[in-house]
PDB file of N, CA and C in Angstrom:
ATOM      1  N   MET A   1     177.982  46.019-121.568  1.00  0.00           N
ATOM      2  CA  MET A   1     178.095  47.440-121.335  1.00  0.00           C
ATOM      3  C   MET A   1     176.759  48.106-121.644  1.00  0.00           C
ATOM      4  N   PRO A   2     176.194  48.808-120.733  1.00  0.00           N
ATOM      5  CA  PRO A   2     174.922  49.486-120.986  1.00  0.00           C
ATOM      6  C   PRO A   2     175.101  50.676-121.930  1.00  0.00           C
ATOM      7  N   TYR A   3     174.036  50.985-122.641  1.00  0.00           N
ATOM      8  CA  TYR A   3     174.044  52.129-123.551  1.00  0.00           C
ATOM      9  C   TYR A   3     173.406  53.314-122.846  1.00  0.00           C
ATOM     10  N   ARG A   4     174.137  54.424-122.766  1.00  0.00           N
ATOM     11  CA  ARG A   4     173.628  55.616-122.077  1.00  0.00           C
ATOM     12  C   ARG A   4     172.519  56.295-122.860  1.00  0.00           C
ATOM     13  N   ASN A   5     172.634  56.293-124.185  1.00  0.00           N
ATOM     14  CA  ASN A   5     171.596  56.888-125.022  1.00  0.00           C
ATOM     15  C   ASN A   5     171.597  56.194-126.375  1.00  0.00           C
ATOM     16  N   ILE A   6     170.622  56.526-127.209  1.00  0.00           N
ATOM     17  CA  ILE A   6     170.510  55.820-128.481  1.00  0.00           C
ATOM     18  C   ILE A   6     171.658  56.140-129.441  1.00  0.00           C
ATOM     19  N   LYS A   7     172.355  57.218-129.220  1.00  0.00           N
ATOM     20  CA  LYS A   7     173.510  57.552-130.062  1.00  0.00           C
ATOM     21  C   LYS A   7     174.639  56.534-129.902  1.00  0.00           C
ATOM     22  N   ASN A   8     174.640  55.801-128.779  1.00  0.00           N
ATOM     23  CA  ASN A   8     175.679  54.823-128.510  1.00  0.00           C
ATOM     24  C   ASN A   8     175.330  53.413-128.980  1.00  0.00           C
ATOM     25  N   LEU A   9     174.120  53.232-129.494  1.00  0.00           N
ATOM     26  CA  LEU A   9     173.702  51.910-129.965  1.00  0.00           C
ATOM     27  C   LEU A   9     174.549  51.479-131.161  1.00  0.00           C
ATOM     28  N   PRO A  10     174.591  50.172-131.422  1.00  0.00           N
ATOM     29  CA  PRO A  10     175.324  49.712-132.617  1.00  0.00           C
ATOM     30  C   PRO A  10     174.784  50.379-133.880  1.00  0.00           C
ATOM     31  N   GLU A  11     175.659  50.593-134.827  1.00  0.00           N
ATOM     32  CA  GLU A  11     175.284  51.276-136.055  1.00  0.00           C
ATOM     33  C   GLU A  11     174.132  50.578-136.776  1.00  0.00           C
ATOM     34  N   SER A  12     174.132  49.267-136.772  1.00  0.00           N
ATOM     35  CA  SER A  12     173.059  48.527-137.447  1.00  0.00           C
ATOM     36  C   SER A  12     171.696  48.820-136.829  1.00  0.00           C
ATOM     37  N   VAL A  13     171.653  49.047-135.542  1.00  0.00           N
ATOM     38  CA  VAL A  13     170.404  49.376-134.858  1.00  0.00           C
ATOM     39  C   VAL A  13     169.998  50.805-135.196  1.00  0.00           C
ATOM     40  N   ARG A  14     170.940  51.731-135.109  1.00  0.00           N
ATOM     41  CA  ARG A  14     170.656  53.148-135.386  1.00  0.00           C
ATOM     42  C   ARG A  14     170.189  53.371-136.823  1.00  0.00           C
ATOM     43  N   LYS A  15     170.800  52.671-137.768  1.00  0.00           N
ATOM     44  CA  LYS A  15     170.477  52.893-139.179  1.00  0.00           C
ATOM     45  C   LYS A  15     169.163  52.240-139.597  1.00  0.00           C
ATOM     46  N   ASN A  16     168.739  51.190-138.909  1.00  0.00           N
ATOM     47  CA  ASN A  16     167.582  50.426-139.367  1.00  0.00           C
ATOM     48  C   ASN A  16     166.302  50.661-138.583  1.00  0.00           C
ATOM     49  N   LEU A  17     166.408  50.992-137.316  1.00  0.00           N
ATOM     50  CA  LEU A  17     165.207  51.121-136.497  1.00  0.00           C
ATOM     51  C   LEU A  17     164.770  52.566-136.339  1.00  0.00           C
ATOM     52  N   PRO A  18     163.439  52.795-136.304  1.00  0.00           N
ATOM     53  CA  PRO A  18     162.949  54.145-135.993  1.00  0.00           C
ATOM     54  C   PRO A  18     163.335  54.517-134.560  1.00  0.00           C
ATOM     55  N   LYS A  19     163.270  55.784-134.252  1.00  0.00           N
ATOM     56  CA  LYS A  19     163.711  56.276-132.937  1.00  0.00           C
ATOM     57  C   LYS A  19     163.028  55.552-131.777  1.00  0.00           C
ATOM     58  N   HIS A  20     161.723  55.390-131.833  1.00  0.00           N
ATOM     59  CA  HIS A  20     161.010  54.728-130.742  1.00  0.00           C
ATOM     60  C   HIS A  20     161.499  53.288-130.563  1.00  0.00           C
ATOM     61  N   ALA A  21     161.728  52.592-131.664  1.00  0.00           N
ATOM     62  CA  ALA A  21     162.240  51.220-131.591  1.00  0.00           C
ATOM     63  C   ALA A  21     163.657  51.194-131.011  1.00  0.00           C
ATOM     64  N   GLN A  22     164.440  52.208-131.314  1.00  0.00           N
ATOM     65  CA  GLN A  22     165.792  52.308-130.741  1.00  0.00           C
ATOM     66  C   GLN A  22     165.712  52.473-129.223  1.00  0.00           C
ATOM     67  N   GLU A  23     164.748  53.255-128.772  1.00  0.00           N
ATOM     68  CA  GLU A  23     164.571  53.452-127.331  1.00  0.00           C
ATOM     69  C   GLU A  23     164.161  52.142-126.656  1.00  0.00           C
ATOM     70  N   ILE A  24     163.283  51.381-127.310  1.00  0.00           N
ATOM     71  CA  ILE A  24     162.885  50.071-126.788  1.00  0.00           C
ATOM     72  C   ILE A  24     164.108  49.166-126.707  1.00  0.00           C
ATOM     73  N   TYR A  25     164.880  49.144-127.778  1.00  0.00           N
ATOM     74  CA  TYR A  25     166.083  48.310-127.842  1.00  0.00           C
ATOM     75  C   TYR A  25     167.044  48.655-126.703  1.00  0.00           C
ATOM     76  N   ARG A  26     167.305  49.946-126.540  1.00  0.00           N
ATOM     77  CA  ARG A  26     168.256  50.391-125.508  1.00  0.00           C
ATOM     78  C   ARG A  26     167.790  49.979-124.110  1.00  0.00           C
ATOM     79  N   GLU A  27     166.536  50.223-123.813  1.00  0.00           N
ATOM     80  CA  GLU A  27     166.023  49.893-122.481  1.00  0.00           C
ATOM     81  C   GLU A  27     166.050  48.387-122.235  1.00  0.00           C
ATOM     82  N   ALA A  28     165.621  47.614-123.222  1.00  0.00           N
ATOM     83  CA  ALA A  28     165.616  46.159-123.073  1.00  0.00           C
ATOM     84  C   ALA A  28     167.038  45.619-122.946  1.00  0.00           C
ATOM     85  N   PHE A  29     167.944  46.152-123.766  1.00  0.00           N
ATOM     86  CA  PHE A  29     169.336  45.708-123.688  1.00  0.00           C
ATOM     87  C   PHE A  29     169.919  45.983-122.306  1.00  0.00           C
ATOM     88  N   ASN A  30     169.740  47.199-121.831  1.00  0.00           N
ATOM     89  CA  ASN A  30     170.319  47.575-120.535  1.00  0.00           C
ATOM     90  C   ASN A  30     169.764  46.716-119.402  1.00  0.00           C
ATOM     91  N   ASN A  31     168.461  46.448-119.415  1.00  0.00           N
ATOM     92  CA  ASN A  31     167.865  45.603-118.377  1.00  0.00           C
ATOM     93  C   ASN A  31     168.402  44.179-118.461  1.00  0.00           C
ATOM     94  N   ALA A  32     168.470  43.638-119.665  1.00  0.00           N
ATOM     95  CA  ALA A  32     168.963  42.269-119.843  1.00  0.00           C
ATOM     96  C   ALA A  32     170.446  42.165-119.502  1.00  0.00           C
ATOM     97  N   ASP A  33     171.208  43.194-119.833  1.00  0.00           N
ATOM     98  CA  ASP A  33     172.642  43.184-119.522  1.00  0.00           C
ATOM     99  C   ASP A  33     172.869  43.134-118.012  1.00  0.00           C
ATOM    100  N   ARG A  34     172.059  43.895-117.281  1.00  0.00           N
ATOM    101  CA  ARG A  34     172.161  43.864-115.812  1.00  0.00           C
ATOM    102  C   ARG A  34     171.736  42.501-115.260  1.00  0.00           C
ATOM    103  N   GLN A  35     170.688  41.946-115.837  1.00  0.00           N
ATOM    104  CA  GLN A  35     170.144  40.694-115.321  1.00  0.00           C
ATOM    105  C   GLN A  35     171.012  39.489-115.670  1.00  0.00           C
ATOM    106  N   TYR A  36     171.422  39.370-116.924  1.00  0.00           N
ATOM    107  CA  TYR A  36     172.123  38.171-117.379  1.00  0.00           C
ATOM    108  C   TYR A  36     173.636  38.305-117.415  1.00  0.00           C
ATOM    109  N   LYS A  37     174.136  39.532-117.396  1.00  0.00           N
ATOM    110  CA  LYS A  37     175.590  39.768-117.449  1.00  0.00           C
ATOM    111  C   LYS A  37     176.231  39.108-118.677  1.00  0.00           C
ATOM    112  N   ASN A  38     175.469  39.117-119.794  1.00  0.00           N
ATOM    113  CA  ASN A  38     175.953  38.486-121.015  1.00  0.00           C
ATOM    114  C   ASN A  38     175.498  39.344-122.193  1.00  0.00           C
ATOM    115  N   GLU A  39     176.446  39.897-122.929  1.00  0.00           N
ATOM    116  CA  GLU A  39     176.124  40.839-124.000  1.00  0.00           C
ATOM    117  C   GLU A  39     175.339  40.185-125.138  1.00  0.00           C
ATOM    118  N   VAL A  40     175.693  38.977-125.504  1.00  0.00           N
ATOM    119  CA  VAL A  40     174.984  38.288-126.592  1.00  0.00           C
ATOM    120  C   VAL A  40     173.519  38.077-126.218  1.00  0.00           C
ATOM    121  N   THR A  41     173.284  37.626-125.007  1.00  0.00           N
ATOM    122  CA  THR A  41     171.916  37.421-124.527  1.00  0.00           C
ATOM    123  C   THR A  41     171.165  38.744-124.482  1.00  0.00           C
ATOM    124  N   ALA A  42     171.825  39.786-124.041  1.00  0.00           N
ATOM    125  CA  ALA A  42     171.182  41.104-123.945  1.00  0.00           C
ATOM    126  C   ALA A  42     170.746  41.600-125.326  1.00  0.00           C
ATOM    127  N   HIS A  43     171.559  41.375-126.347  1.00  0.00           N
ATOM    128  CA  HIS A  43     171.177  41.782-127.701  1.00  0.00           C
ATOM    129  C   HIS A  43     169.972  40.975-128.184  1.00  0.00           C
ATOM    130  N   LYS A  44     169.947  39.691-127.882  1.00  0.00           N
ATOM    131  CA  LYS A  44     168.806  38.856-128.279  1.00  0.00           C
ATOM    132  C   LYS A  44     167.523  39.319-127.596  1.00  0.00           C
ATOM    133  N   VAL A  45     167.618  39.631-126.321  1.00  0.00           N
ATOM    134  CA  VAL A  45     166.459  40.128-125.573  1.00  0.00           C
ATOM    135  C   VAL A  45     165.986  41.460-126.158  1.00  0.00           C
ATOM    136  N   ALA A  46     166.923  42.329-126.495  1.00  0.00           N
ATOM    137  CA  ALA A  46     166.579  43.638-127.041  1.00  0.00           C
ATOM    138  C   ALA A  46     165.855  43.501-128.381  1.00  0.00           C
ATOM    139  N   TRP A  47     166.351  42.628-129.254  1.00  0.00           N
ATOM    140  CA  TRP A  47     165.676  42.422-130.539  1.00  0.00           C
ATOM    141  C   TRP A  47     164.289  41.828-130.323  1.00  0.00           C
ATOM    142  N   SER A  48     164.156  40.946-129.381  1.00  0.00           N
ATOM    143  CA  SER A  48     162.851  40.354-129.080  1.00  0.00           C
ATOM    144  C   SER A  48     161.864  41.423-128.622  1.00  0.00           C
ATOM    145  N   ALA A  49     162.326  42.344-127.803  1.00  0.00           N
ATOM    146  CA  ALA A  49     161.472  43.436-127.324  1.00  0.00           C
ATOM    147  C   ALA A  49     161.025  44.326-128.478  1.00  0.00           C
ATOM    148  N   VAL A  50     161.923  44.616-129.394  1.00  0.00           N
ATOM    149  CA  VAL A  50     161.581  45.440-130.558  1.00  0.00           C
ATOM    150  C   VAL A  50     160.521  44.726-131.400  1.00  0.00           C
ATOM    151  N   LYS A  51     160.698  43.425-131.594  1.00  0.00           N
ATOM    152  CA  LYS A  51     159.796  42.661-132.454  1.00  0.00           C
ATOM    153  C   LYS A  51     158.392  42.505-131.856  1.00  0.00           C
ATOM    154  N   LYS A  52     158.226  42.813-130.594  1.00  0.00           N
ATOM    155  CA  LYS A  52     156.892  42.790-129.990  1.00  0.00           C
ATOM    156  C   LYS A  52     156.053  43.974-130.480  1.00  0.00           C
ATOM    157  N   GLU A  53     156.713  45.071-130.849  1.00  0.00           N
ATOM    158  CA  GLU A  53     155.994  46.277-131.270  1.00  0.00           C
ATOM    159  C   GLU A  53     156.230  46.671-132.721  1.00  0.00           C
ATOM    160  N   TYR A  54     157.268  46.121-133.335  1.00  0.00           N
ATOM    161  CA  TYR A  54     157.616  46.479-134.712  1.00  0.00           C
ATOM    162  C   TYR A  54     157.782  45.230-135.560  1.00  0.00           C
ATOM    163  N   VAL A  55     157.528  45.401-136.846  1.00  0.00           N
ATOM    164  CA  VAL A  55     157.712  44.321-137.806  1.00  0.00           C
ATOM    165  C   VAL A  55     158.461  44.898-139.008  1.00  0.00           C
ATOM    166  N   LYS A  56     159.265  44.060-139.633  1.00  0.00           N
ATOM    167  CA  LYS A  56     160.020  44.519-140.791  1.00  0.00           C
ATOM    168  C   LYS A  56     159.203  44.246-142.050  1.00  0.00           C
ATOM    169  N   LYS A  57     158.871  45.310-142.761  1.00  0.00           N
ATOM    170  CA  LYS A  57     158.158  45.208-144.036  1.00  0.00           C
ATOM    171  C   LYS A  57     159.086  45.728-145.115  1.00  0.00           C
ATOM    172  N   ASP A  58     159.350  44.867-146.087  1.00  0.00           N
ATOM    173  CA  ASP A  58     160.350  45.151-147.112  1.00  0.00           C
ATOM    174  C   ASP A  58     161.681  45.405-146.405  1.00  0.00           C
ATOM    175  N   ASP A  59     162.201  46.596-146.493  1.00  0.00           N
ATOM    176  CA  ASP A  59     163.478  46.914-145.828  1.00  0.00           C
ATOM    177  C   ASP A  59     163.312  47.905-144.691  1.00  0.00           C
ATOM    178  N   LYS A  60     162.080  48.057-144.195  1.00  0.00           N
ATOM    179  CA  LYS A  60     161.813  49.090-143.205  1.00  0.00           C
ATOM    180  C   LYS A  60     161.079  48.499-141.999  1.00  0.00           C
ATOM    181  N   TRP A  61     161.482  48.924-140.796  1.00  0.00           N
ATOM    182  CA  TRP A  61     160.795  48.515-139.582  1.00  0.00           C
ATOM    183  C   TRP A  61     159.634  49.472-139.335  1.00  0.00           C
ATOM    184  N   VAL A  62     158.420  48.902-139.153  1.00  0.00           N
ATOM    185  CA  VAL A  62     157.234  49.704-138.936  1.00  0.00           C
ATOM    186  C   VAL A  62     156.479  49.184-137.711  1.00  0.00           C
ATOM    187  N   LYS A  63     155.742  50.079-137.073  1.00  0.00           N
ATOM    188  CA  LYS A  63     154.964  49.716-135.888  1.00  0.00           C
ATOM    189  C   LYS A  63     153.839  48.784-136.292  1.00  0.00           C
ATOM    190  N   LYS A  64     153.587  47.765-135.469  1.00  0.00           N
ATOM    191  CA  LYS A  64     152.505  46.801-135.749  1.00  0.00           C
ATOM    192  C   LYS A  64     151.157  47.463-135.650  1.00  0.00           C
TER     193      LYS A  64
END
């Protein structure tokens, strides 16, 4: 299921990622969901996209 906006993202994503990272996650998830038709794969692709621009330091995600 595609996410219409970042307010619809899973709570774990909304609570942990900065807004820009949430936007990356949403866009990557939606593209992967359309391409692979598999929600688990789409979440993995979305996290991979976030990790290209953000890194987790201590308990906070920050831009590389």
